[in-house]
Protein backbone atom coordinates (compact mmCIF):
# COMPACT_ATOMS: atom_id res chain seq x y z
CA MET A 1 41.14 -7.78 -2.69
CA LEU A 2 38.59 -5.58 -4.42
CA PRO A 3 40.06 -2.45 -6.04
CA GLN A 4 39.68 0.76 -4.09
CA ARG A 5 37.67 3.50 -5.70
CA SER A 6 37.72 7.17 -5.07
CA GLY A 7 36.73 10.25 -6.97
CA SER A 8 33.67 12.39 -7.50
CA ASP A 9 30.20 10.93 -7.30
CA GLU A 10 27.15 12.91 -8.27
CA VAL A 11 24.69 13.60 -5.49
CA ARG A 12 21.59 15.56 -6.40
CA VAL A 13 19.18 16.67 -3.69
CA GLY A 14 16.00 18.25 -5.01
CA GLY A 15 16.87 20.34 -8.05
CA ALA A 16 20.51 21.04 -7.16
CA LEU A 17 23.22 18.84 -8.65
CA LYS A 18 26.54 18.89 -6.87
CA SER A 19 29.69 16.79 -6.96
CA VAL A 20 31.11 15.49 -3.68
CA GLN A 21 34.43 13.81 -3.03
CA VAL A 22 33.93 10.24 -1.89
CA PRO A 23 36.95 8.65 -0.16
CA ALA A 24 37.22 4.98 -1.02
CA PRO A 25 36.72 2.63 1.94
CA ALA A 26 39.71 0.33 2.48
CA SER A 27 37.68 -2.81 1.96
CA LEU A 28 34.26 -4.22 1.20
CA LEU A 29 33.56 -4.33 4.94
CA GLY A 30 34.53 -0.67 5.08
CA ALA A 31 32.03 0.18 2.35
CA ILE A 32 29.28 -1.72 4.21
CA ASP A 33 30.22 0.07 7.43
CA GLU A 34 30.01 3.44 5.68
CA LEU A 35 26.55 2.56 4.40
CA CYS A 36 25.28 1.47 7.82
CA ARG A 37 26.68 4.62 9.46
CA SER A 38 25.09 7.07 7.00
CA LEU A 39 23.53 9.99 8.84
CA THR A 40 21.24 11.32 6.10
CA LEU A 41 19.37 9.89 3.13
CA ALA A 42 21.74 11.75 0.79
CA GLU A 43 24.72 10.04 2.45
CA LEU A 44 22.88 6.73 2.31
CA ALA A 45 22.28 7.06 -1.43
CA ARG A 46 25.92 7.99 -2.05
CA ASP A 47 27.29 5.16 0.11
CA ALA A 48 24.90 2.68 -1.50
CA ALA A 49 26.26 3.65 -4.92
CA VAL A 50 29.84 3.17 -3.69
CA LEU A 51 29.04 -0.25 -2.24
CA THR A 52 27.18 -1.31 -5.39
CA GLN A 53 30.19 -0.53 -7.56
CA LYS A 54 32.39 -2.58 -5.24
CA LEU A 55 30.12 -5.60 -5.53
CA ILE A 56 29.06 -5.36 -9.16
CA PRO A 57 31.37 -4.65 -12.13
CA SER A 58 29.35 -1.76 -13.48
CA GLU A 59 30.50 1.71 -14.47
CA GLU A 60 26.91 2.95 -14.40
CA VAL A 61 25.12 2.94 -11.04
CA ARG A 62 22.20 5.03 -9.89
CA VAL A 63 20.47 5.22 -6.52
CA LEU A 64 17.27 7.23 -6.72
CA LEU A 65 15.25 8.09 -3.61
CA ARG A 66 11.99 10.01 -3.48
CA THR A 67 10.91 11.39 -0.12
CA ALA A 68 8.35 13.83 1.17
CA ASP A 69 11.09 16.49 1.06
CA GLY A 70 12.18 15.89 -2.52
CA GLU A 71 14.34 13.69 -4.72
CA ILE A 72 17.87 12.39 -4.12
CA VAL A 73 20.03 10.94 -6.89
CA ALA A 74 23.51 9.49 -6.36
CA GLY A 75 26.04 7.48 -8.33
CA SER A 76 27.45 7.71 -11.83
CA ALA A 77 25.63 7.42 -15.12
CA ARG A 78 26.31 7.94 -18.81
CA PRO A 79 25.47 11.27 -20.46
CA SER A 80 22.63 9.56 -22.34
CA GLY A 81 20.67 9.40 -19.10
CA SER A 82 19.04 6.10 -20.07
CA LEU A 83 19.50 4.64 -16.57
CA ASP A 84 18.20 7.82 -14.95
CA SER A 85 15.07 8.02 -17.08
CA TRP A 86 14.35 4.30 -16.71
CA ALA A 87 14.80 4.40 -12.91
CA ALA A 88 12.49 7.40 -12.69
CA ALA A 89 9.89 5.60 -14.80
CA LEU A 90 10.04 2.55 -12.55
CA LEU A 91 9.07 4.64 -9.55
CA GLU A 92 5.85 5.66 -11.30
CA GLN A 93 4.76 2.03 -11.55
CA ALA A 94 3.10 -0.09 -8.89
CA HIS A 95 5.61 -2.40 -7.29
CA THR A 96 6.78 -4.19 -4.18
CA SER A 97 10.25 -4.10 -2.67
CA SER A 98 10.92 -7.69 -3.76
CA VAL A 99 10.54 -6.94 -7.49
CA VAL A 100 13.61 -6.82 -9.73
CA ALA A 101 13.19 -5.16 -13.12
CA THR A 102 15.29 -5.44 -16.29
CA HIS A 103 15.42 -3.50 -19.52
CA GLY A 104 18.11 -4.39 -22.00
CA GLN A 105 21.36 -4.11 -20.07
CA LEU A 106 19.69 -2.27 -17.20
CA LEU A 107 18.85 -3.99 -13.92
CA ALA A 108 17.14 -2.46 -10.89
CA ALA A 109 15.62 -3.37 -7.55
CA TYR A 110 13.11 -1.33 -5.59
CA ILE A 111 13.70 0.51 -2.32
CA ASP A 112 10.38 0.91 -0.54
CA VAL A 113 9.85 2.22 2.99
CA GLU A 114 6.08 2.50 2.69
CA GLN A 115 5.34 3.63 6.25
CA GLU A 116 7.91 6.43 5.98
CA ASN A 117 6.91 7.56 2.46
CA VAL A 118 10.37 6.82 1.04
CA HIS A 119 10.54 5.07 -2.34
CA GLY A 120 13.48 4.45 -4.58
CA VAL A 121 15.37 2.39 -7.12
CA LEU A 122 18.89 0.97 -7.12
CA GLY A 123 19.86 0.52 -10.75
CA VAL A 124 22.91 -0.68 -12.64
CA SER A 125 23.94 -1.20 -16.25
CA ILE A 126 25.66 -4.56 -16.80
CA PRO A 127 26.35 -6.87 -19.75
CA GLU A 128 24.26 -9.74 -18.33
CA PRO A 129 21.33 -8.41 -16.28
CA ASP A 130 19.72 -11.86 -16.19
CA ASP A 131 22.63 -13.35 -14.22
CA VAL A 132 21.07 -14.90 -11.09
CA GLU A 133 23.92 -13.98 -8.77
CA THR A 134 23.90 -10.37 -9.90
CA ARG A 135 20.13 -10.11 -9.52
CA GLU A 136 20.36 -11.51 -6.00
CA THR A 137 23.14 -9.07 -5.14
CA VAL A 138 21.19 -6.06 -6.39
CA THR A 139 18.09 -7.24 -4.52
CA ALA A 140 20.06 -7.71 -1.29
CA LEU A 141 21.60 -4.25 -1.66
CA ALA A 142 18.20 -2.66 -2.20
CA GLN A 143 16.86 -4.43 0.89
CA LEU A 144 19.82 -3.21 2.94
CA VAL A 145 19.25 0.35 1.75
CA THR A 146 15.55 -0.02 2.61
CA THR A 147 16.41 -1.10 6.16
CA CYS A 148 18.88 1.75 6.63
CA ALA A 149 16.44 4.30 5.16
CA ALA A 150 13.67 3.14 7.50
CA HIS A 151 16.02 3.53 10.46
CA LEU A 152 17.16 7.00 9.39
CA VAL A 153 13.70 8.40 8.74
CA GLY A 154 12.23 6.79 11.85
CA HIS A 155 15.05 8.19 13.99
CA ALA A 156 14.61 11.65 12.48
CA ARG A 157 10.88 11.55 13.19
CA ALA A 158 11.46 10.43 16.78
CA SER A 159 14.02 13.22 17.22
CA ARG A 160 11.51 15.80 15.99
CA VAL A 161 8.89 14.48 18.41
CA LEU A 162 11.39 14.67 21.27
CA VAL A 163 12.39 18.23 20.36
CA ASP A 164 8.73 19.29 20.21
CA ALA A 165 8.08 17.68 23.59
CA GLN A 166 11.11 19.46 25.08
CA LYS A 167 9.91 22.79 23.71
CA SER A 168 6.41 22.26 25.14
CA LEU A 169 7.76 21.21 28.54
CA GLY A 170 10.21 24.10 28.58
CA LYS A 171 7.44 26.58 27.80
CA GLY A 172 5.26 25.07 30.52
CA LEU A 173 8.03 25.29 33.11
CA HIS A 174 8.80 28.86 32.09
CA ASP A 175 5.14 29.81 32.35
CA LEU A 176 4.95 28.28 35.85
CA ARG A 177 7.42 30.86 37.12
CA THR A 178 4.92 33.69 36.78
CA PRO A 179 2.17 32.23 39.02
CA LEU A 180 4.81 31.03 41.50
CA ASN A 181 6.23 34.55 41.76
CA SER A 182 2.71 35.92 42.20
CA LEU A 183 2.01 33.35 44.92
CA ARG A 184 5.24 34.22 46.71
CA LEU A 185 4.44 37.93 46.54
CA GLY A 186 0.90 37.30 47.81
CA LEU A 187 2.23 35.35 50.80
CA HIS A 188 4.54 38.21 51.73
CA LEU A 189 1.65 40.68 51.53
CA LEU A 190 -0.67 38.46 53.58
CA GLU A 191 1.98 37.33 56.06
CA PRO A 192 1.40 40.09 58.68
CA GLY A 193 -2.23 39.05 59.05
CA LEU A 194 -1.67 35.28 58.81
CA VAL A 195 1.27 35.04 61.21
CA THR A 196 -0.88 36.16 64.14
CA GLN A 197 -3.22 33.21 63.51
CA ASP A 198 -0.80 30.30 62.83
CA PRO A 199 2.90 31.09 62.16
CA ALA A 200 3.65 27.39 61.47
CA ILE A 201 1.25 27.31 58.52
CA VAL A 202 2.83 30.45 57.08
CA GLN A 203 6.32 28.93 57.35
CA ARG A 204 5.24 25.63 55.77
CA THR A 205 3.56 27.50 52.91
CA HIS A 206 6.67 29.60 52.31
CA ARG A 207 8.85 26.48 52.24
CA ALA A 208 6.45 24.72 49.86
CA VAL A 209 6.40 27.64 47.42
CA ASP A 210 10.19 28.03 47.59
CA ARG A 211 10.71 24.32 47.03
CA MET A 212 8.35 24.35 44.06
CA ALA A 213 10.23 27.30 42.56
CA VAL A 214 13.54 25.44 42.99
CA LEU A 215 12.14 22.30 41.36
CA VAL A 216 10.82 24.27 38.37
CA THR A 217 14.20 25.98 37.94
CA GLU A 218 16.12 22.69 38.23
CA MET A 219 13.85 20.99 35.68
CA PHE A 220 14.13 23.94 33.30
CA ASP A 221 17.93 23.98 33.58
CA ALA A 222 18.18 20.21 33.15
CA LEU A 223 15.98 20.39 30.07
CA HIS A 224 18.34 22.92 28.51
CA GLY A 225 21.51 21.15 29.61
CA ARG A 226 22.49 23.69 32.24
CA SER A 227 24.25 22.88 35.49
CA SER A 228 22.45 24.03 38.63
CA GLU A 229 25.83 24.19 40.41
CA GLY A 230 27.23 26.64 37.85
CA ALA A 231 24.09 28.78 37.79
């Protein structure tokens, strides 16, 4: 069984560096599950660093992500910052997600979600960076992080679109109440003159306006999660 690991991992979002307590998953499958269930890119970077250290015997791991909202750094690195500076330099170079880079004892694979404008590097410091199995492991991890990042960012974008649509629909339904109230008031004012001509038409028009008002209210309440029975 792989050794459990717990302790403080660095997670930096933007310019703020903070230390968060990372409970060690009970197993390798637990670490993979944590990674796949990450809810934010910061969590994803942290969980990717945890999983990397379970799979690769390295005391120095960095996951660097650059997004439209800023930079996220997670993992553990030596005070020298050699892995950090090298990973940052890699992101400035042209690359594809399948490329693995080495520099001395440093090994890294790219994380690249091009359509979502998320780019990153998963880097480690190991005695033998040219080991084929280790290179394949780092590449597979980077590809897994890429897939998870694409899902997270895509889901967040879809959620924002849905929220915007709900706001627009809610505003439209709210704005419909004003002309409906005006129409209802106009019918009441005109009713004495219209009822002498055709009372049935007046009644049908009243029912139609009332029904429309009920539908607008029901849709507005449903949009905001309210119960029409409790209203």
